[in-house]
Every structure is written in C-alpha cells, then in structure tokens.
Amino acid sequence: MRKAVRMGRIALGAMVGLMTVAVAGCGVPPWAQGGTAESASPTASAASTPAPQPVANDLSSGSTQKTVTAGAVSATVNYWSTLSMDKWTPTALKPVSLSMVTTVTPDDGQKVYLQRATMTAVPGNETQSFAPLAAQTDQSNAPGYLVLAPYSYSQTFNVGEVPAEATFVTLQFTYEYLVQATPTSEEYAKQTASDTLTVAIARGGSAG
C-alpha cells in the first residue's frame, strides 16, 4: 500500500514538472505583455492633419481704435465697417470707414492738416499674397484738412472684389500731414504716418 502511494506521488511530481517546462517554453504569458513598439506604431505613425488656424480680424468686434505717430503728430484713428463681417465675401463691395483726430507736441498753437489719406488693399491667404487692388486716395487742397483736436477727419474707402482663394485682406493706410512751423507761419513741415488693418474674408455666398 505504501509503495502504491509513493508511486502516485512520483507520477504527480513528474506531471507538475512537465507543466512548468511547458509554460516556461511559451515565454511571457499574454496577461503580462505590455504594448510593444510594433503595436503602437500605427498610432504613432498616423498622419495628423493640422487644424486650420483662425484668420486674424481687426474688425471682428465691429470696430477698432489705433494710434499712429508722425514726428510731433499723434493721431487717434477709429476704424469700422457698416457691412457686417459675415458679408465680407470675395465679391462684395466692402466699405471701411475711419475717423481721425490729432494732437501735436509741443502744442504751441500751430495747426495740423491732413494733406492726403491713402488706402491700399492687399488680399491674401495662409500661403500667398495676391496682387494689391488699386490704391484709393483722398487728397485735399493746400494746406489740407484741419485735423487738430477738436477738429476731426472722416472718410470711407471701399474694398472691391478679391480672389475667391483669399481668406483675408490687409488694408494699408498712409497719412500725410502738414504741420505749421509756428502758429502764424505759412511754412509747414511734412510728416507721414502709416497703419495696417487685417480683415477676414467670409466664406459662402455673396453679400445680399
């Protein structure tokens, strides 16, 4: 009887040994395996498409105020459009209005005149600039429009049709001033200031 029990234990031990060898020969069990470089590679190598960047728009709130300087002259300029931004489509006539008032330092009583105001519109998109539209100019008779506070200057320019591929238009403004040498002088010093606005072009149908 004891001999039979002993033989049973020997057989059981041999079976356990064989099972251990079998498991060891299979390598790391599936539940212990982490992600491998091969399994992660499809995600890592997947081509990602960058999201389009929003177009800057200085008139996104309807209007904006800028300060420009030219020598002793400091001008505060308000810009706005009577056409809502969703209707600034490529084919629409897009008005841009401005209002300007200046100060001069030192203020000895001399006057400041705006001799000429020019706007040039340059359409573009993320990858290229297109040919500029024809420049628009408002020129006064000498010596110019009186723009020294409390007197102001107002004007409206228009941005015409731009290429369908354009996503924005850059508005380049140039202001040419004449400043009296003295309060009673008929001699003037010329000063020039420039300013730039970027306005988004709306997608979709034409303005209506």
N, C-alpha and C. Protein backbone atom coordinates (compact mmCIF):
# COMPACT_ATOMS: atom_id res chain seq x y z
N MET A 1 0.83 -1.20 0.00
CA MET A 1 0.00 0.00 0.00
C MET A 1 0.86 1.24 0.00
N ARG A 2 1.85 1.31 0.84
CA ARG A 2 2.78 2.44 0.89
C ARG A 2 3.50 2.59 -0.43
N LYS A 3 3.82 1.48 -1.05
CA LYS A 3 4.54 1.55 -2.32
C LYS A 3 3.66 2.17 -3.38
N ALA A 4 2.33 1.91 -3.36
CA ALA A 4 1.40 2.50 -4.34
C ALA A 4 1.29 3.99 -4.15
N VAL A 5 1.22 4.45 -2.88
CA VAL A 5 1.15 5.89 -2.58
C VAL A 5 2.38 6.59 -3.06
N ARG A 6 3.56 5.96 -2.81
CA ARG A 6 4.84 6.55 -3.21
C ARG A 6 4.89 6.69 -4.72
N MET A 7 4.41 5.68 -5.47
CA MET A 7 4.44 5.73 -6.93
C MET A 7 3.50 6.82 -7.45
N GLY A 8 2.36 7.04 -6.74
CA GLY A 8 1.42 8.09 -7.15
C GLY A 8 2.04 9.46 -7.00
N ARG A 9 2.80 9.67 -5.88
CA ARG A 9 3.44 10.98 -5.66
C ARG A 9 4.50 11.23 -6.73
N ILE A 10 5.23 10.21 -7.11
CA ILE A 10 6.27 10.37 -8.14
C ILE A 10 5.64 10.77 -9.46
N ALA A 11 4.51 10.14 -9.80
CA ALA A 11 3.84 10.45 -11.07
C ALA A 11 3.31 11.87 -11.08
N LEU A 12 2.72 12.30 -9.93
CA LEU A 12 2.19 13.66 -9.81
C LEU A 12 3.30 14.68 -9.95
N GLY A 13 4.48 14.39 -9.30
CA GLY A 13 5.62 15.31 -9.41
C GLY A 13 6.09 15.43 -10.83
N ALA A 14 6.11 14.37 -11.57
CA ALA A 14 6.56 14.41 -12.96
C ALA A 14 5.63 15.26 -13.81
N MET A 15 4.34 15.16 -13.54
CA MET A 15 3.37 15.95 -14.31
C MET A 15 3.53 17.43 -14.04
N VAL A 16 3.72 17.82 -12.78
CA VAL A 16 3.94 19.23 -12.42
C VAL A 16 5.17 19.75 -13.12
N GLY A 17 6.24 18.90 -13.13
CA GLY A 17 7.48 19.32 -13.81
C GLY A 17 7.25 19.57 -15.27
N LEU A 18 6.50 18.70 -15.94
CA LEU A 18 6.23 18.87 -17.35
C LEU A 18 5.43 20.12 -17.61
N MET A 19 4.47 20.45 -16.76
CA MET A 19 3.66 21.65 -16.93
C MET A 19 4.50 22.89 -16.77
N THR A 20 5.42 22.88 -15.82
CA THR A 20 6.30 24.03 -15.60
C THR A 20 7.15 24.28 -16.83
N VAL A 21 7.72 23.20 -17.40
CA VAL A 21 8.54 23.34 -18.60
C VAL A 21 7.72 23.88 -19.75
N ALA A 22 6.48 23.42 -19.89
CA ALA A 22 5.61 23.85 -20.99
C ALA A 22 5.33 25.33 -20.90
N VAL A 23 5.01 25.82 -19.68
CA VAL A 23 4.72 27.25 -19.50
C VAL A 23 5.95 28.08 -19.77
N ALA A 24 7.10 27.64 -19.25
CA ALA A 24 8.35 28.37 -19.46
C ALA A 24 8.69 28.45 -20.93
N GLY A 25 8.41 27.40 -21.69
CA GLY A 25 8.74 27.39 -23.11
C GLY A 25 7.87 28.33 -23.92
N CYS A 26 6.73 28.74 -23.37
CA CYS A 26 5.84 29.63 -24.12
C CYS A 26 6.22 31.09 -23.97
N GLY A 27 7.18 31.42 -23.16
CA GLY A 27 7.59 32.82 -22.99
C GLY A 27 6.67 33.54 -22.02
N VAL A 28 6.59 34.88 -22.15
CA VAL A 28 5.79 35.69 -21.23
C VAL A 28 4.31 35.46 -21.51
N PRO A 29 3.52 35.16 -20.49
CA PRO A 29 2.09 34.94 -20.70
C PRO A 29 1.41 36.21 -21.21
N PRO A 30 0.32 36.05 -21.95
CA PRO A 30 -0.34 37.20 -22.58
C PRO A 30 -0.73 38.29 -21.62
N TRP A 31 -1.18 37.97 -20.41
CA TRP A 31 -1.63 39.00 -19.47
C TRP A 31 -0.48 39.83 -18.91
N ALA A 32 0.75 39.34 -19.09
CA ALA A 32 1.91 40.08 -18.57
C ALA A 32 2.57 40.91 -19.66
N GLN A 33 2.06 40.82 -20.91
CA GLN A 33 2.69 41.55 -22.01
C GLN A 33 2.17 42.97 -22.07
N GLY A 34 3.10 43.93 -22.18
CA GLY A 34 2.71 45.32 -22.36
C GLY A 34 2.64 45.64 -23.83
N GLY A 35 2.29 46.92 -24.17
CA GLY A 35 2.25 47.34 -25.55
C GLY A 35 3.66 47.34 -26.14
N THR A 36 3.80 46.85 -27.32
CA THR A 36 5.11 46.83 -27.97
C THR A 36 5.21 47.97 -28.95
N ALA A 37 6.44 48.21 -29.42
CA ALA A 37 6.66 49.29 -30.39
C ALA A 37 5.87 49.02 -31.65
N GLU A 38 5.74 47.70 -32.02
CA GLU A 38 5.03 47.37 -33.25
C GLU A 38 3.54 47.65 -33.11
N SER A 39 2.96 47.34 -31.92
CA SER A 39 1.54 47.57 -31.74
C SER A 39 1.22 49.05 -31.64
N ALA A 40 2.20 49.88 -31.17
CA ALA A 40 1.96 51.32 -31.01
C ALA A 40 2.25 52.09 -32.27
N SER A 41 2.99 51.45 -33.20
CA SER A 41 3.43 52.19 -34.38
C SER A 41 2.31 52.72 -35.25
N PRO A 42 1.18 52.00 -35.45
CA PRO A 42 0.14 52.58 -36.30
C PRO A 42 -0.35 53.91 -35.78
N THR A 43 -0.52 54.04 -34.45
CA THR A 43 -0.98 55.30 -33.88
C THR A 43 0.09 56.37 -34.00
N ALA A 44 1.35 55.97 -33.70
CA ALA A 44 2.44 56.94 -33.71
C ALA A 44 2.72 57.45 -35.10
N SER A 45 2.54 56.58 -36.09
CA SER A 45 2.89 56.98 -37.46
C SER A 45 1.71 57.52 -38.23
N ALA A 46 0.53 57.53 -37.61
CA ALA A 46 -0.64 58.02 -38.33
C ALA A 46 -0.45 59.48 -38.67
N ALA A 47 -0.72 59.83 -39.91
CA ALA A 47 -0.54 61.21 -40.35
C ALA A 47 -1.61 62.08 -39.71
N SER A 48 -1.18 63.19 -39.10
CA SER A 48 -2.11 64.11 -38.45
C SER A 48 -2.29 65.33 -39.33
N THR A 49 -3.54 65.75 -39.51
CA THR A 49 -3.84 66.94 -40.32
C THR A 49 -4.04 68.11 -39.38
N PRO A 50 -3.17 69.13 -39.48
CA PRO A 50 -3.30 70.27 -38.56
C PRO A 50 -4.61 71.01 -38.80
N ALA A 51 -5.21 71.46 -37.71
CA ALA A 51 -6.45 72.21 -37.83
C ALA A 51 -6.16 73.58 -38.43
N PRO A 52 -7.03 74.09 -39.30
CA PRO A 52 -6.79 75.40 -39.90
C PRO A 52 -6.76 76.49 -38.83
N GLN A 53 -5.81 77.40 -38.97
CA GLN A 53 -5.67 78.47 -37.99
C GLN A 53 -6.73 79.54 -38.24
N PRO A 54 -7.32 80.10 -37.18
CA PRO A 54 -8.30 81.16 -37.37
C PRO A 54 -7.65 82.39 -37.99
N VAL A 55 -8.40 83.07 -38.84
CA VAL A 55 -7.88 84.25 -39.52
C VAL A 55 -8.03 85.46 -38.60
N ALA A 56 -6.94 86.22 -38.48
CA ALA A 56 -6.99 87.44 -37.66
C ALA A 56 -7.98 88.43 -38.28
N ASN A 57 -8.67 89.16 -37.43
CA ASN A 57 -9.65 90.13 -37.93
C ASN A 57 -9.71 91.32 -36.97
N ASP A 58 -9.14 92.44 -37.40
CA ASP A 58 -9.13 93.63 -36.55
C ASP A 58 -10.50 94.25 -36.38
N LEU A 59 -11.44 93.86 -37.23
CA LEU A 59 -12.80 94.40 -37.13
C LEU A 59 -13.79 93.35 -36.65
N SER A 60 -13.29 92.31 -35.98
CA SER A 60 -14.16 91.23 -35.52
C SER A 60 -15.24 91.72 -34.56
N SER A 61 -14.94 92.78 -33.81
CA SER A 61 -15.93 93.32 -32.88
C SER A 61 -16.75 94.44 -33.52
N GLY A 62 -16.50 94.73 -34.77
CA GLY A 62 -17.23 95.77 -35.47
C GLY A 62 -16.43 97.04 -35.69
N SER A 63 -15.45 97.29 -34.80
CA SER A 63 -14.64 98.49 -34.92
C SER A 63 -13.34 98.29 -34.14
N THR A 64 -12.39 99.17 -34.40
CA THR A 64 -11.14 99.14 -33.64
C THR A 64 -10.56 100.55 -33.62
N GLN A 65 -9.73 100.82 -32.63
CA GLN A 65 -9.09 102.13 -32.50
C GLN A 65 -7.58 101.94 -32.50
N LYS A 66 -6.88 102.76 -33.27
CA LYS A 66 -5.44 102.68 -33.37
C LYS A 66 -4.85 104.07 -33.11
N THR A 67 -3.59 104.09 -32.69
CA THR A 67 -2.85 105.35 -32.53
C THR A 67 -1.62 105.28 -33.40
N VAL A 68 -1.43 106.29 -34.24
CA VAL A 68 -0.26 106.36 -35.11
C VAL A 68 0.46 107.67 -34.85
N THR A 69 1.76 107.69 -35.06
CA THR A 69 2.55 108.90 -34.83
C THR A 69 3.35 109.24 -36.07
N ALA A 70 3.59 110.54 -36.23
CA ALA A 70 4.41 111.05 -37.33
C ALA A 70 5.12 112.29 -36.81
N GLY A 71 6.36 112.10 -36.37
CA GLY A 71 7.08 113.22 -35.79
C GLY A 71 6.38 113.72 -34.54
N ALA A 72 6.03 115.00 -34.54
CA ALA A 72 5.37 115.60 -33.38
C ALA A 72 3.87 115.33 -33.36
N VAL A 73 3.35 114.71 -34.41
CA VAL A 73 1.91 114.48 -34.53
C VAL A 73 1.54 113.10 -34.01
N SER A 74 0.50 113.04 -33.20
CA SER A 74 -0.06 111.76 -32.74
C SER A 74 -1.53 111.74 -33.15
N ALA A 75 -1.91 110.72 -33.89
CA ALA A 75 -3.28 110.63 -34.41
C ALA A 75 -4.00 109.44 -33.79
N THR A 76 -5.22 109.67 -33.35
CA THR A 76 -6.09 108.59 -32.89
C THR A 76 -7.09 108.32 -34.01
N VAL A 77 -7.10 107.06 -34.49
CA VAL A 77 -7.93 106.71 -35.64
C VAL A 77 -8.89 105.60 -35.25
N ASN A 78 -10.17 105.83 -35.50
CA ASN A 78 -11.19 104.80 -35.31
C ASN A 78 -11.58 104.23 -36.67
N TYR A 79 -11.61 102.89 -36.76
CA TYR A 79 -11.98 102.21 -37.99
C TYR A 79 -13.23 101.36 -37.74
N TRP A 80 -14.12 101.29 -38.73
CA TRP A 80 -15.28 100.42 -38.63
C TRP A 80 -15.82 100.15 -40.03
N SER A 81 -16.77 99.21 -40.10
CA SER A 81 -17.43 98.92 -41.38
C SER A 81 -18.92 98.84 -41.14
N THR A 82 -19.68 99.42 -42.07
CA THR A 82 -21.13 99.34 -41.97
C THR A 82 -21.65 98.02 -42.52
N LEU A 83 -20.76 97.23 -43.13
CA LEU A 83 -21.12 95.90 -43.63
C LEU A 83 -20.70 94.87 -42.60
N SER A 84 -21.63 94.02 -42.16
CA SER A 84 -21.30 93.02 -41.15
C SER A 84 -20.24 92.06 -41.67
N MET A 85 -19.45 91.54 -40.76
CA MET A 85 -18.30 90.71 -41.14
C MET A 85 -18.70 89.43 -41.89
N ASP A 86 -19.89 88.90 -41.64
CA ASP A 86 -20.30 87.69 -42.35
C ASP A 86 -20.63 87.97 -43.81
N LYS A 87 -20.70 89.26 -44.20
CA LYS A 87 -20.97 89.63 -45.58
C LYS A 87 -19.73 90.19 -46.29
N TRP A 88 -18.58 90.08 -45.63
CA TRP A 88 -17.33 90.48 -46.28
C TRP A 88 -16.86 89.34 -47.18
N THR A 89 -17.65 89.05 -48.20
CA THR A 89 -17.34 87.95 -49.12
C THR A 89 -16.42 88.45 -50.24
N PRO A 90 -15.80 87.55 -50.99
CA PRO A 90 -14.87 87.99 -52.03
C PRO A 90 -15.46 88.94 -53.05
N THR A 91 -16.73 88.76 -53.41
CA THR A 91 -17.32 89.59 -54.47
C THR A 91 -18.02 90.85 -53.96
N ALA A 92 -18.21 90.97 -52.66
CA ALA A 92 -18.96 92.10 -52.12
C ALA A 92 -18.13 93.39 -52.17
N LEU A 93 -18.82 94.52 -52.21
CA LEU A 93 -18.18 95.83 -52.05
C LEU A 93 -18.12 96.09 -50.55
N LYS A 94 -16.93 96.18 -50.01
CA LYS A 94 -16.73 96.15 -48.56
C LYS A 94 -16.25 97.53 -48.07
N PRO A 95 -17.12 98.32 -47.45
CA PRO A 95 -16.75 99.66 -47.01
C PRO A 95 -15.94 99.66 -45.71
N VAL A 96 -14.95 100.54 -45.66
CA VAL A 96 -14.16 100.74 -44.44
C VAL A 96 -14.18 102.23 -44.13
N SER A 97 -14.73 102.58 -42.98
CA SER A 97 -14.80 103.98 -42.58
C SER A 97 -13.75 104.28 -41.52
N LEU A 98 -13.32 105.53 -41.47
CA LEU A 98 -12.36 105.94 -40.45
C LEU A 98 -12.68 107.35 -39.99
N SER A 99 -12.30 107.63 -38.77
CA SER A 99 -12.43 108.95 -38.19
C SER A 99 -11.14 109.25 -37.44
N MET A 100 -10.58 110.46 -37.65
CA MET A 100 -9.26 110.78 -37.11
C MET A 100 -9.24 112.14 -36.43
N VAL A 101 -8.49 112.21 -35.34
CA VAL A 101 -8.21 113.48 -34.68
C VAL A 101 -6.76 113.44 -34.22
N THR A 102 -6.06 114.58 -34.23
CA THR A 102 -4.64 114.59 -33.89
C THR A 102 -4.34 115.56 -32.76
N THR A 103 -3.19 115.34 -32.16
CA THR A 103 -2.59 116.28 -31.22
C THR A 103 -1.15 116.50 -31.67
N VAL A 104 -0.54 117.59 -31.20
CA VAL A 104 0.84 117.89 -31.56
C VAL A 104 1.62 118.24 -30.29
N THR A 105 2.85 117.78 -30.23
CA THR A 105 3.70 118.01 -29.06
C THR A 105 5.06 118.56 -29.51
N PRO A 106 5.49 119.71 -28.93
CA PRO A 106 4.74 120.57 -28.00
C PRO A 106 3.66 121.34 -28.73
N ASP A 107 2.59 121.63 -28.02
CA ASP A 107 1.48 122.36 -28.61
C ASP A 107 1.68 123.85 -28.37
N ASP A 108 2.21 124.53 -29.38
CA ASP A 108 2.46 125.96 -29.27
C ASP A 108 1.42 126.78 -30.01
N GLY A 109 0.34 126.13 -30.40
CA GLY A 109 -0.72 126.83 -31.10
C GLY A 109 -0.69 126.60 -32.60
N GLN A 110 0.28 125.85 -33.11
CA GLN A 110 0.34 125.57 -34.55
C GLN A 110 -0.73 124.55 -34.93
N LYS A 111 -1.15 124.61 -36.20
CA LYS A 111 -2.22 123.73 -36.68
C LYS A 111 -1.63 122.52 -37.40
N VAL A 112 -2.43 121.45 -37.44
CA VAL A 112 -2.05 120.22 -38.14
C VAL A 112 -3.10 119.96 -39.21
N TYR A 113 -2.63 119.70 -40.44
CA TYR A 113 -3.52 119.44 -41.56
C TYR A 113 -3.22 118.06 -42.15
N LEU A 114 -4.27 117.38 -42.55
CA LEU A 114 -4.11 116.12 -43.28
C LEU A 114 -4.14 116.46 -44.76
N GLN A 115 -3.02 116.30 -45.43
CA GLN A 115 -2.94 116.62 -46.85
C GLN A 115 -3.46 115.50 -47.73
N ARG A 116 -3.16 114.24 -47.33
CA ARG A 116 -3.55 113.10 -48.16
C ARG A 116 -3.74 111.84 -47.30
N ALA A 117 -4.79 111.09 -47.61
CA ALA A 117 -5.02 109.78 -46.97
C ALA A 117 -5.16 108.75 -48.07
N THR A 118 -4.44 107.65 -47.95
CA THR A 118 -4.44 106.61 -48.98
C THR A 118 -4.68 105.25 -48.36
N MET A 119 -5.51 104.42 -49.01
CA MET A 119 -5.72 103.04 -48.57
C MET A 119 -5.42 102.11 -49.74
N THR A 120 -4.61 101.08 -49.49
CA THR A 120 -4.31 100.04 -50.46
C THR A 120 -4.69 98.70 -49.85
N ALA A 121 -5.52 97.93 -50.55
CA ALA A 121 -5.99 96.63 -50.06
C ALA A 121 -5.19 95.52 -50.74
N VAL A 122 -4.62 94.62 -49.92
CA VAL A 122 -3.83 93.51 -50.44
C VAL A 122 -4.46 92.19 -49.97
N PRO A 123 -5.13 91.45 -50.87
CA PRO A 123 -5.73 90.17 -50.48
C PRO A 123 -4.65 89.11 -50.26
N GLY A 124 -4.99 88.11 -49.47
CA GLY A 124 -4.04 87.02 -49.24
C GLY A 124 -4.70 85.84 -48.55
N ASN A 125 -3.93 84.77 -48.41
CA ASN A 125 -4.35 83.64 -47.60
C ASN A 125 -3.13 83.11 -46.86
N GLU A 126 -3.24 81.92 -46.27
CA GLU A 126 -2.17 81.40 -45.42
C GLU A 126 -0.87 81.16 -46.18
N THR A 127 -0.96 80.96 -47.48
CA THR A 127 0.23 80.58 -48.25
C THR A 127 0.70 81.62 -49.25
N GLN A 128 -0.12 82.63 -49.56
CA GLN A 128 0.31 83.59 -50.57
C GLN A 128 -0.40 84.92 -50.45
N SER A 129 0.22 85.95 -51.07
CA SER A 129 -0.39 87.26 -51.22
C SER A 129 -0.75 87.45 -52.69
N PHE A 130 -1.88 88.10 -52.93
CA PHE A 130 -2.31 88.36 -54.29
C PHE A 130 -1.98 89.81 -54.65
N ALA A 131 -2.18 90.14 -55.91
CA ALA A 131 -1.88 91.50 -56.36
C ALA A 131 -2.76 92.50 -55.61
N PRO A 132 -2.18 93.63 -55.20
CA PRO A 132 -2.98 94.62 -54.48
C PRO A 132 -4.05 95.24 -55.38
N LEU A 133 -5.15 95.64 -54.77
CA LEU A 133 -6.17 96.37 -55.51
C LEU A 133 -5.68 97.80 -55.75
N ALA A 134 -6.33 98.49 -56.64
CA ALA A 134 -5.94 99.87 -56.94
C ALA A 134 -6.04 100.73 -55.67
N ALA A 135 -5.01 101.53 -55.44
CA ALA A 135 -4.99 102.39 -54.26
C ALA A 135 -6.10 103.45 -54.36
N GLN A 136 -6.68 103.78 -53.21
CA GLN A 136 -7.70 104.83 -53.15
C GLN A 136 -7.14 105.98 -52.33
N THR A 137 -7.28 107.20 -52.84
CA THR A 137 -6.66 108.37 -52.21
C THR A 137 -7.67 109.49 -52.05
N ASP A 138 -7.63 110.12 -50.90
CA ASP A 138 -8.40 111.35 -50.65
C ASP A 138 -7.37 112.46 -50.43
N GLN A 139 -7.28 113.38 -51.37
CA GLN A 139 -6.29 114.45 -51.29
C GLN A 139 -7.00 115.79 -51.21
N SER A 140 -6.54 116.64 -50.30
CA SER A 140 -7.15 117.94 -50.10
C SER A 140 -6.36 119.02 -50.81
N ASN A 141 -7.03 120.16 -51.03
CA ASN A 141 -6.32 121.34 -51.48
C ASN A 141 -5.40 121.81 -50.36
N ALA A 142 -4.34 122.52 -50.71
CA ALA A 142 -3.38 123.01 -49.71
C ALA A 142 -4.09 123.97 -48.73
N PRO A 143 -3.74 123.91 -47.45
CA PRO A 143 -2.71 123.03 -46.88
C PRO A 143 -3.25 121.65 -46.48
N GLY A 144 -4.57 121.46 -46.52
CA GLY A 144 -5.13 120.17 -46.17
C GLY A 144 -6.33 120.30 -45.26
N TYR A 145 -6.82 119.15 -44.78
CA TYR A 145 -7.94 119.14 -43.85
C TYR A 145 -7.42 119.40 -42.44
N LEU A 146 -8.05 120.33 -41.75
CA LEU A 146 -7.66 120.60 -40.37
C LEU A 146 -8.07 119.41 -39.49
N VAL A 147 -7.08 118.79 -38.84
CA VAL A 147 -7.37 117.59 -38.04
C VAL A 147 -6.89 117.71 -36.60
N LEU A 148 -6.49 118.91 -36.20
CA LEU A 148 -6.04 119.11 -34.82
C LEU A 148 -7.25 119.21 -33.92
N ALA A 149 -7.26 118.43 -32.83
CA ALA A 149 -8.40 118.43 -31.91
C ALA A 149 -8.77 119.87 -31.53
N PRO A 150 -10.06 120.19 -31.52
CA PRO A 150 -11.24 119.31 -31.60
C PRO A 150 -11.73 119.01 -33.02
N TYR A 151 -10.99 119.43 -34.04
CA TYR A 151 -11.41 119.16 -35.41
C TYR A 151 -11.00 117.74 -35.81
N SER A 152 -11.85 117.10 -36.59
CA SER A 152 -11.59 115.71 -36.96
C SER A 152 -11.80 115.51 -38.46
N TYR A 153 -11.36 114.35 -38.92
CA TYR A 153 -11.46 113.97 -40.33
C TYR A 153 -12.17 112.63 -40.42
N SER A 154 -13.10 112.50 -41.36
CA SER A 154 -13.80 111.23 -41.57
C SER A 154 -13.80 110.91 -43.05
N GLN A 155 -13.72 109.62 -43.37
CA GLN A 155 -13.71 109.19 -44.75
C GLN A 155 -14.12 107.71 -44.81
N THR A 156 -14.64 107.31 -45.98
CA THR A 156 -14.97 105.91 -46.22
C THR A 156 -14.30 105.46 -47.51
N PHE A 157 -13.54 104.38 -47.42
CA PHE A 157 -12.94 103.74 -48.59
C PHE A 157 -13.69 102.43 -48.82
N ASN A 158 -13.50 101.86 -50.00
CA ASN A 158 -14.18 100.61 -50.33
C ASN A 158 -13.19 99.57 -50.83
N VAL A 159 -13.34 98.35 -50.33
CA VAL A 159 -12.55 97.21 -50.80
C VAL A 159 -13.39 96.47 -51.81
N GLY A 160 -12.90 96.39 -53.05
CA GLY A 160 -13.66 95.73 -54.10
C GLY A 160 -13.49 94.22 -54.10
N GLU A 161 -13.72 93.61 -55.24
CA GLU A 161 -13.67 92.15 -55.36
C GLU A 161 -12.24 91.64 -55.19
N VAL A 162 -12.11 90.55 -54.46
CA VAL A 162 -10.81 89.92 -54.22
C VAL A 162 -10.87 88.49 -54.74
N PRO A 163 -9.72 87.83 -54.95
CA PRO A 163 -9.74 86.43 -55.44
C PRO A 163 -10.54 85.52 -54.51
N ALA A 164 -11.19 84.54 -55.10
CA ALA A 164 -12.00 83.60 -54.32
C ALA A 164 -11.18 82.84 -53.29
N GLU A 165 -9.87 82.70 -53.55
CA GLU A 165 -9.00 81.95 -52.63
C GLU A 165 -8.56 82.78 -51.43
N ALA A 166 -8.81 84.09 -51.47
CA ALA A 166 -8.38 84.97 -50.37
C ALA A 166 -9.17 84.68 -49.11
N THR A 167 -8.48 84.62 -47.98
CA THR A 167 -9.15 84.43 -46.69
C THR A 167 -9.08 85.68 -45.83
N PHE A 168 -8.30 86.66 -46.27
CA PHE A 168 -8.23 87.94 -45.54
C PHE A 168 -7.75 89.01 -46.51
N VAL A 169 -7.88 90.24 -46.09
CA VAL A 169 -7.35 91.36 -46.86
C VAL A 169 -6.62 92.28 -45.89
N THR A 170 -5.41 92.69 -46.26
CA THR A 170 -4.62 93.62 -45.45
C THR A 170 -4.84 95.02 -46.00
N LEU A 171 -5.28 95.92 -45.13
CA LEU A 171 -5.55 97.30 -45.52
C LEU A 171 -4.39 98.17 -45.05
N GLN A 172 -3.69 98.74 -46.00
CA GLN A 172 -2.52 99.58 -45.70
C GLN A 172 -2.91 101.04 -45.86
N PHE A 173 -2.81 101.81 -44.78
CA PHE A 173 -3.18 103.22 -44.78
C PHE A 173 -1.92 104.08 -44.68
N THR A 174 -1.93 105.18 -45.43
CA THR A 174 -0.86 106.16 -45.34
C THR A 174 -1.49 107.53 -45.13
N TYR A 175 -0.97 108.26 -44.13
CA TYR A 175 -1.49 109.59 -43.80
C TYR A 175 -0.35 110.60 -43.90
N GLU A 176 -0.58 111.63 -44.69
CA GLU A 176 0.44 112.67 -44.89
C GLU A 176 -0.06 113.98 -44.29
N TYR A 177 0.71 114.51 -43.34
CA TYR A 177 0.32 115.70 -42.59
C TYR A 177 1.22 116.88 -42.94
N LEU A 178 0.64 118.09 -42.81
CA LEU A 178 1.41 119.32 -42.85
C LEU A 178 1.24 120.00 -41.50
N VAL A 179 2.35 120.35 -40.86
CA VAL A 179 2.33 120.97 -39.53
C VAL A 179 2.92 122.37 -39.65
N GLN A 180 2.18 123.34 -39.17
CA GLN A 180 2.68 124.71 -39.20
C GLN A 180 3.99 124.82 -38.41
N ALA A 181 4.94 125.58 -38.96
CA ALA A 181 6.20 125.80 -38.24
C ALA A 181 5.94 126.60 -36.97
N THR A 182 5.10 127.62 -37.06
CA THR A 182 4.68 128.43 -35.91
C THR A 182 3.20 128.75 -36.10
N PRO A 183 2.51 129.21 -35.06
CA PRO A 183 1.07 129.47 -35.20
C PRO A 183 0.71 130.47 -36.30
N THR A 184 1.61 131.35 -36.66
CA THR A 184 1.31 132.35 -37.69
C THR A 184 2.07 132.11 -38.98
N SER A 185 2.83 131.04 -39.05
CA SER A 185 3.69 130.80 -40.20
C SER A 185 2.91 130.21 -41.37
N GLU A 186 3.38 130.53 -42.57
CA GLU A 186 2.84 129.91 -43.77
C GLU A 186 3.78 128.82 -44.28
N GLU A 187 4.74 128.43 -43.43
CA GLU A 187 5.64 127.34 -43.74
C GLU A 187 5.21 126.10 -42.95
N TYR A 188 5.38 124.95 -43.58
CA TYR A 188 4.87 123.72 -43.00
C TYR A 188 5.94 122.63 -43.04
N ALA A 189 5.87 121.77 -42.06
CA ALA A 189 6.70 120.56 -42.05
C ALA A 189 5.81 119.38 -42.43
N LYS A 190 6.30 118.54 -43.31
CA LYS A 190 5.52 117.38 -43.74
C LYS A 190 5.89 116.16 -42.90
N GLN A 191 4.88 115.45 -42.41
CA GLN A 191 5.07 114.22 -41.63
C GLN A 191 4.17 113.14 -42.21
N THR A 192 4.66 111.91 -42.23
CA THR A 192 3.90 110.79 -42.79
C THR A 192 3.76 109.67 -41.78
N ALA A 193 2.56 109.16 -41.62
CA ALA A 193 2.30 108.02 -40.72
C ALA A 193 1.65 106.90 -41.52
N SER A 194 1.83 105.67 -41.06
CA SER A 194 1.21 104.52 -41.73
C SER A 194 0.54 103.63 -40.70
N ASP A 195 -0.44 102.87 -41.16
CA ASP A 195 -1.18 101.96 -40.29
C ASP A 195 -1.66 100.79 -41.13
N THR A 196 -1.94 99.67 -40.46
CA THR A 196 -2.37 98.45 -41.15
C THR A 196 -3.49 97.77 -40.39
N LEU A 197 -4.49 97.31 -41.12
CA LEU A 197 -5.57 96.50 -40.56
C LEU A 197 -5.64 95.20 -41.34
N THR A 198 -6.02 94.12 -40.66
CA THR A 198 -6.30 92.85 -41.31
C THR A 198 -7.77 92.51 -41.07
N VAL A 199 -8.47 92.23 -42.16
CA VAL A 199 -9.91 91.91 -42.05
C VAL A 199 -10.14 90.56 -42.74
N ALA A 200 -10.86 89.67 -42.08
CA ALA A 200 -11.12 88.33 -42.63
C ALA A 200 -12.13 88.42 -43.77
N ILE A 201 -11.96 87.55 -44.75
CA ILE A 201 -12.92 87.40 -45.84
C ILE A 201 -13.84 86.23 -45.50
N ALA A 202 -15.14 86.51 -45.57
CA ALA A 202 -16.13 85.49 -45.20
C ALA A 202 -16.26 84.45 -46.31
N ARG A 203 -16.51 83.22 -45.92
CA ARG A 203 -16.77 82.14 -46.88
C ARG A 203 -18.26 82.09 -47.19
N GLY A 204 -18.60 81.50 -48.28
CA GLY A 204 -20.01 81.31 -48.59
C GLY A 204 -20.46 82.18 -49.73
N GLY A 205 -21.76 82.45 -49.75
CA GLY A 205 -22.36 83.19 -50.86
C GLY A 205 -22.01 84.66 -50.82
N SER A 206 -22.44 85.37 -51.84
CA SER A 206 -22.17 86.79 -51.93
C SER A 206 -23.07 87.55 -51.00
N ALA A 207 -22.66 88.81 -50.74
CA ALA A 207 -23.45 89.65 -49.84
C ALA A 207 -24.78 89.96 -50.48
N GLY A 208 -25.81 90.00 -49.66
CA GLY A 208 -27.12 90.29 -50.20
C GLY A 208 -27.91 91.16 -49.24
